Amino acid sequence: MKVTAVIFDLDGTLTEPVLDFDKIRSEMGIDSESEDILTAMEAMDPVRQKQAQTILTRHEHHAAQHAQLNDGVPELLSELRKRKIPIGLLTRNTRENTLFVARQHQLDFERTIVSRI
């Protein structure tokens, strides 16, 4: 099968994991350690949802500021480019944080970046 494009995740795939989801859930008052944060936020009343968004934004911003690429990522992306394979990014992070990390590490995604907001 011929590879026509590769789509990556950002946090924990291209970059080393920094986000502590259990800590984020705890700060938001989400009881279940396995509950998806964004799904839990959707069920919150507007005031609590705004507070939770502030917590999530703070954590995601910190992670973006301290993002380090996983071993081998620059070489892998370089090899894909040599082979003329388009690269995309799909993340649940914000576009702002995603673009910050991309600029910080000279990452170029020819096809697209799809983010949460």
Protein backbone atom coordinates (compact mmCIF):
# COMPACT_ATOMS: atom_id res chain seq x y z
CA MET A 1 0.00 0.00 0.00
CA LYS A 2 1.36 3.42 -0.98
CA VAL A 3 1.36 6.08 1.73
CA THR A 4 -0.20 9.25 0.33
CA ALA A 5 -0.09 11.39 3.51
CA VAL A 6 0.71 11.11 7.22
CA ILE A 7 -1.35 12.77 9.95
CA PHE A 8 0.18 13.18 13.39
CA ASP A 9 -1.13 14.11 16.82
CA LEU A 10 0.85 16.78 18.67
CA ASP A 11 0.91 16.28 22.45
CA GLY A 12 2.57 13.01 23.39
CA THR A 13 3.15 11.96 19.77
CA LEU A 14 5.37 14.57 18.15
CA THR A 15 6.16 16.13 21.52
CA GLU A 16 7.06 14.55 24.82
CA PRO A 17 4.02 14.24 27.09
CA VAL A 18 3.74 17.24 29.40
CA LEU A 19 0.03 17.50 30.13
CA ASP A 20 -0.98 15.88 33.42
CA PHE A 21 -4.60 14.97 32.67
CA ASP A 22 -5.26 13.65 36.18
CA LYS A 23 -4.11 16.96 37.67
CA ILE A 24 -6.26 18.91 35.19
CA ARG A 25 -9.31 16.77 36.07
CA SER A 26 -8.63 17.26 39.77
CA GLU A 27 -8.36 21.05 39.44
CA MET A 28 -11.62 21.09 37.45
CA GLY A 29 -13.40 18.92 40.00
CA ILE A 30 -13.92 16.04 37.58
CA ASP A 31 -14.22 12.94 39.76
CA SER A 32 -13.53 10.15 37.30
CA GLU A 33 -9.89 9.68 36.34
CA SER A 34 -10.96 8.09 33.06
CA GLU A 35 -13.52 10.70 32.00
CA ASP A 36 -12.62 12.72 28.92
CA ILE A 37 -11.96 16.31 29.97
CA LEU A 38 -13.62 17.98 26.99
CA THR A 39 -16.71 15.78 27.29
CA ALA A 40 -16.94 16.54 31.02
CA MET A 41 -16.63 20.26 30.29
CA GLU A 42 -19.54 20.13 27.84
CA ALA A 43 -21.79 18.87 30.65
CA MET A 44 -20.82 21.68 33.06
CA ASP A 45 -22.96 24.73 33.73
CA PRO A 46 -21.66 27.90 32.00
CA VAL A 47 -19.90 29.32 35.08
CA ARG A 48 -18.11 26.09 35.91
CA GLN A 49 -17.33 25.54 32.23
CA LYS A 50 -15.62 28.95 32.04
CA GLN A 51 -13.55 28.11 35.14
CA ALA A 52 -12.61 24.75 33.67
CA GLN A 53 -11.62 26.38 30.37
CA THR A 54 -9.31 28.74 32.27
CA ILE A 55 -7.66 25.76 33.97
CA LEU A 56 -7.28 23.86 30.70
CA THR A 57 -5.90 26.92 28.89
CA ARG A 58 -3.29 27.43 31.62
CA HIS A 59 -2.12 23.82 31.44
CA GLU A 60 -2.07 23.72 27.64
CA HIS A 61 -0.19 27.02 27.44
CA HIS A 62 2.40 25.73 29.92
CA ALA A 63 2.79 22.51 27.91
CA ALA A 64 3.27 24.48 24.68
CA GLN A 65 5.90 26.70 26.32
CA HIS A 66 7.85 23.65 27.52
CA ALA A 67 7.25 21.33 24.54
CA GLN A 68 10.17 19.17 23.46
CA LEU A 69 10.08 16.98 20.39
CA ASN A 70 10.20 13.24 20.89
CA ASP A 71 13.38 11.51 19.78
CA GLY A 72 13.50 10.95 16.06
CA VAL A 73 10.74 13.41 15.13
CA PRO A 74 12.94 15.81 13.11
CA GLU A 75 14.48 12.90 11.21
CA LEU A 76 11.10 11.29 10.55
CA LEU A 77 9.58 14.53 9.25
CA SER A 78 12.66 15.13 7.11
CA GLU A 79 12.40 11.65 5.62
CA LEU A 80 8.70 12.12 4.84
CA ARG A 81 9.50 15.41 3.11
CA LYS A 82 12.29 13.77 1.08
CA ARG A 83 9.75 11.21 -0.08
CA LYS A 84 7.31 14.04 -0.87
CA ILE A 85 4.71 12.63 1.51
CA PRO A 86 2.40 15.41 2.78
CA ILE A 87 2.26 15.83 6.55
CA GLY A 88 -0.77 16.96 8.54
CA LEU A 89 -1.56 17.52 12.20
CA LEU A 90 -4.74 16.64 14.09
CA THR A 91 -4.87 17.76 17.71
CA ARG A 92 -7.36 18.46 20.46
CA ASN A 93 -5.13 21.34 21.57
CA THR A 94 -5.80 24.92 20.48
CA ARG A 95 -4.59 26.30 17.17
CA GLU A 96 -2.68 29.03 19.02
CA ASN A 97 -0.67 26.52 21.08
CA THR A 98 -0.19 24.24 18.09
CA LEU A 99 1.20 27.05 15.94
CA PHE A 100 3.46 28.15 18.81
CA VAL A 101 4.97 24.66 19.10
CA ALA A 102 5.28 24.39 15.31
CA ARG A 103 7.15 27.71 15.11
CA GLN A 104 9.29 26.90 18.16
CA HIS A 105 10.50 23.65 16.57
CA GLN A 106 10.40 24.70 12.90
CA LEU A 107 7.64 22.20 12.09
CA ASP A 108 5.83 22.70 8.82
CA PHE A 109 2.60 20.90 8.04
CA GLU A 110 1.97 21.30 4.34
CA ARG A 111 -1.52 19.91 4.24
CA THR A 112 -3.30 21.20 7.29
CA ILE A 113 -3.57 21.62 11.00
CA VAL A 114 -6.89 20.65 12.53
CA SER A 115 -7.29 21.78 16.13
CA ARG A 116 -9.95 22.07 18.81
CA ILE A 117 -10.36 25.87 18.52
